[in-house]
Amino acid sequence: MEAQPDSMTAARKAIPVCRMFIVIRFDAMRKWCVLSK
């Protein structure tokens, strides 16, 4: 049952990375806003 297309596997690997990147960006933006005030 592991006969998936490579694009599905790549997308499944990329989703957590994108989510982590968005969280890091959001956290950095929030810290920057707090420091700039």
C-alpha atoms as a PDB file:
ATOM      1  CA  MET A   1       0.000   0.000   0.000  1.00  0.00           C
ATOM      2  CA  GLU A   2       3.088   2.268  -0.127  1.00  0.00           C
ATOM      3  CA  ALA A   3       2.739   2.873  -3.874  1.00  0.00           C
ATOM      4  CA  GLN A   4       2.047   6.587  -3.524  1.00  0.00           C
ATOM      5  CA  PRO A   5       3.210   9.185  -6.055  1.00  0.00           C
ATOM      6  CA  ASP A   6       6.282  11.130  -4.968  1.00  0.00           C
ATOM      7  CA  SER A   7       4.370  14.402  -5.018  1.00  0.00           C
ATOM      8  CA  MET A   8       2.073  13.199  -2.231  1.00  0.00           C
ATOM      9  CA  THR A   9       5.049  12.202  -0.103  1.00  0.00           C
ATOM     10  CA  ALA A  10       6.803  15.503  -0.786  1.00  0.00           C
ATOM     11  CA  ALA A  11       3.659  17.474   0.069  1.00  0.00           C
ATOM     12  CA  ARG A  12       3.194  15.497   3.280  1.00  0.00           C
ATOM     13  CA  LYS A  13       6.788  16.256   4.256  1.00  0.00           C
ATOM     14  CA  ALA A  14       6.477  19.939   3.292  1.00  0.00           C
ATOM     15  CA  ILE A  15       3.290  20.702   5.269  1.00  0.00           C
ATOM     16  CA  PRO A  16       4.882  20.584   8.772  1.00  0.00           C
ATOM     17  CA  VAL A  17       7.884  22.561   7.523  1.00  0.00           C
ATOM     18  CA  CYS A  18       5.672  25.297   6.085  1.00  0.00           C
ATOM     19  CA  ARG A  19       3.600  25.396   9.262  1.00  0.00           C
ATOM     20  CA  MET A  20       6.715  25.649  11.423  1.00  0.00           C
ATOM     21  CA  PHE A  21       8.095  28.404   9.168  1.00  0.00           C
ATOM     22  CA  ILE A  22       4.844  30.392   9.442  1.00  0.00           C
ATOM     23  CA  VAL A  23       4.844  30.026  13.237  1.00  0.00           C
ATOM     24  CA  ILE A  24       8.463  31.191  13.447  1.00  0.00           C
ATOM     25  CA  ARG A  25       7.762  34.173  11.183  1.00  0.00           C
ATOM     26  CA  PHE A  26       4.671  35.113  13.216  1.00  0.00           C
ATOM     27  CA  ASP A  27       6.573  34.821  16.495  1.00  0.00           C
ATOM     28  CA  ALA A  28       9.438  36.950  15.148  1.00  0.00           C
ATOM     29  CA  MET A  29       7.009  39.596  13.906  1.00  0.00           C
ATOM     30  CA  ARG A  30       5.264  39.685  17.290  1.00  0.00           C
ATOM     31  CA  LYS A  31       8.582  40.074  19.149  1.00  0.00           C
ATOM     32  CA  TRP A  32       9.646  42.826  16.732  1.00  0.00           C
ATOM     33  CA  CYS A  33       6.379  44.694  17.301  1.00  0.00           C
ATOM     34  CA  VAL A  34       6.799  44.416  21.071  1.00  0.00           C
ATOM     35  CA  LEU A  35      10.401  45.645  20.931  1.00  0.00           C
ATOM     36  CA  SER A  36       9.640  48.544  18.602  1.00  0.00           C
ATOM     37  CA  LYS A  37       7.019  50.019  20.935  1.00  0.00           C
END
